[in-house]
C-alpha cells in the first residue's frame, strides 16, 4: 500500500528535524521524535522500537503515549524560551504584529501546563 512509504518518509523527516533540535535551541527535539514514533509505528515497527528503547528519548515518548505527560523541566524551559522570544519579538516587531507572539505563547503555555508532568 502507498501509505507505508509515505509514513516511513515522514518518520525519517521527523527524526531529522528532531536531530536539528538537538543542536539548535529554537527547535524542539522530543515532539519530532514522538511524531517519528507515530509514523514508524505505522510503517516500520523496528525503527519505532529503536526510538522507544532510546535511553533519553524513549521514556519521554512512552510517557506522552501513555499519559500525555510533559516533564516539568521541559515545561519550565519552554516557558522561559517563549517568554524570551515573545519579549524579543515585542521589541523588534511593528505595532501591528508586536503582541501576536505573546498571544500565541500564552495559548501554547496554557495547553502545555494543563498536561500532566509525569
Protein backbone atom coordinates (compact mmCIF):
# COMPACT_ATOMS: atom_id res chain seq x y z
CA UNK A 1 0.00 0.00 0.00
CA UNK A 2 1.16 3.54 -0.68
CA UNK A 3 0.80 4.70 2.93
CA UNK A 4 3.82 2.82 4.27
CA UNK A 5 6.44 4.65 2.18
CA UNK A 6 4.82 7.99 2.99
CA UNK A 7 4.74 7.20 6.73
CA UNK A 8 8.33 5.98 6.58
CA UNK A 9 9.44 9.17 4.81
CA UNK A 10 7.56 11.34 7.31
CA UNK A 11 9.14 9.39 10.16
CA UNK A 12 12.61 9.91 8.72
CA UNK A 13 11.90 13.62 8.22
CA UNK A 14 10.68 13.88 11.81
CA UNK A 15 13.86 12.22 13.10
CA UNK A 16 15.96 14.60 11.01
CA UNK A 17 14.10 17.62 12.40
CA UNK A 18 14.49 16.21 15.90
CA UNK A 19 18.24 15.88 15.36
CA UNK A 20 18.39 19.51 14.25
CA UNK A 21 16.63 20.36 17.51
CA UNK A 22 19.43 18.72 19.49
CA UNK A 23 21.82 21.40 18.22
CA UNK A 24 19.52 24.41 17.74
CA UNK A 25 17.82 25.72 20.87
CA UNK A 26 14.94 27.18 18.86
CA UNK A 27 13.88 23.75 17.56
CA UNK A 28 12.19 21.21 19.81
CA UNK A 29 13.54 17.66 19.72
CA UNK A 30 11.10 15.47 21.61
CA UNK A 31 7.89 16.45 19.75
CA UNK A 32 9.50 15.49 16.45
CA UNK A 33 10.65 12.15 17.89
CA UNK A 34 7.13 11.50 19.24
CA UNK A 35 5.85 12.17 15.74
CA UNK A 36 8.52 9.90 14.25
CA UNK A 37 7.49 7.08 16.61
CA UNK A 38 3.90 7.54 15.45
CA UNK A 39 4.85 7.30 11.78
CA UNK A 40 7.25 4.41 12.29
CA UNK A 41 4.59 2.56 14.29
CA UNK A 42 2.53 2.51 11.10
CA UNK A 43 5.33 1.77 8.68
CA UNK A 44 8.44 0.29 10.29
CA UNK A 45 7.94 -1.26 13.78
CA UNK A 46 11.66 -1.99 14.17
CA UNK A 47 12.50 1.71 13.94
CA UNK A 48 9.68 2.53 16.33
CA UNK A 49 11.18 0.07 18.83
CA UNK A 50 14.59 1.73 18.47
CA UNK A 51 13.07 5.08 19.35
CA UNK A 52 11.17 3.62 22.31
CA UNK A 53 14.33 1.88 23.56
CA UNK A 54 16.45 5.05 23.38
CA UNK A 55 17.71 5.79 26.91
CA UNK A 56 16.99 9.53 26.76
CA UNK A 57 14.03 9.96 24.45
CA UNK A 58 12.30 6.58 24.84
CA UNK A 59 10.84 7.31 28.30
CA UNK A 60 9.58 10.71 27.12
CA UNK A 61 7.84 9.17 24.11
CA UNK A 62 6.29 6.44 26.25
CA UNK A 63 5.12 8.97 28.89
CA UNK A 64 3.45 11.00 26.15
CA UNK A 65 1.76 7.96 24.65
CA UNK A 66 0.51 6.57 27.95
CA UNK A 67 -0.49 9.72 29.83
CA UNK A 68 0.05 12.72 27.55
CA UNK A 69 2.73 13.75 30.04
CA UNK A 70 5.30 16.51 29.54
CA UNK A 71 8.21 16.60 32.03
CA UNK A 72 8.21 19.53 34.45
CA UNK A 73 11.70 20.62 33.37
CA UNK A 74 10.54 20.76 29.75
CA UNK A 75 7.59 22.92 30.77
CA UNK A 76 9.83 25.37 32.61
CA UNK A 77 12.35 25.53 29.78
CA UNK A 78 9.60 26.09 27.22
CA UNK A 79 8.09 28.81 29.39
CA UNK A 80 11.44 30.59 29.67
CA UNK A 81 12.19 30.28 25.94
CA UNK A 82 8.73 31.50 24.92
CA UNK A 83 8.97 34.44 27.33
CA UNK A 84 12.33 35.49 25.91
CA UNK A 85 11.09 35.03 22.34
CA UNK A 86 7.90 36.99 22.99
CA UNK A 87 9.81 39.82 24.65
CA UNK A 88 12.30 39.96 21.79
CA UNK A 89 9.53 39.91 19.23
CA UNK A 90 7.71 42.68 21.08
CA UNK A 91 10.84 44.77 20.91
CA UNK A 92 11.55 44.27 17.20
CA UNK A 93 8.17 43.84 15.53
CA UNK A 94 5.97 46.68 14.34
CA UNK A 95 2.85 47.69 16.28
CA UNK A 96 0.52 45.53 14.19
CA UNK A 97 2.47 42.34 14.98
CA UNK A 98 4.04 43.14 18.33
CA UNK A 99 1.60 41.18 20.52
CA UNK A 100 0.98 38.16 18.29
CA UNK A 101 3.94 36.07 19.58
CA UNK A 102 2.88 36.72 23.18
CA UNK A 103 -0.71 35.69 22.46
CA UNK A 104 0.42 32.50 20.73
CA UNK A 105 2.83 31.78 23.60
CA UNK A 106 0.09 32.17 26.20
CA UNK A 107 -2.17 29.75 24.32
CA UNK A 108 0.64 27.19 23.90
CA UNK A 109 1.72 27.50 27.52
CA UNK A 110 -1.84 27.19 28.82
CA UNK A 111 -2.23 23.94 26.91
CA UNK A 112 1.20 22.66 27.90
CA UNK A 113 0.75 23.38 31.63
CA UNK A 114 -2.62 21.61 31.53
CA UNK A 115 -0.85 18.35 30.67
CA UNK A 116 0.37 16.02 33.45
CA UNK A 117 4.06 16.23 34.32
CA UNK A 118 4.79 12.53 34.90
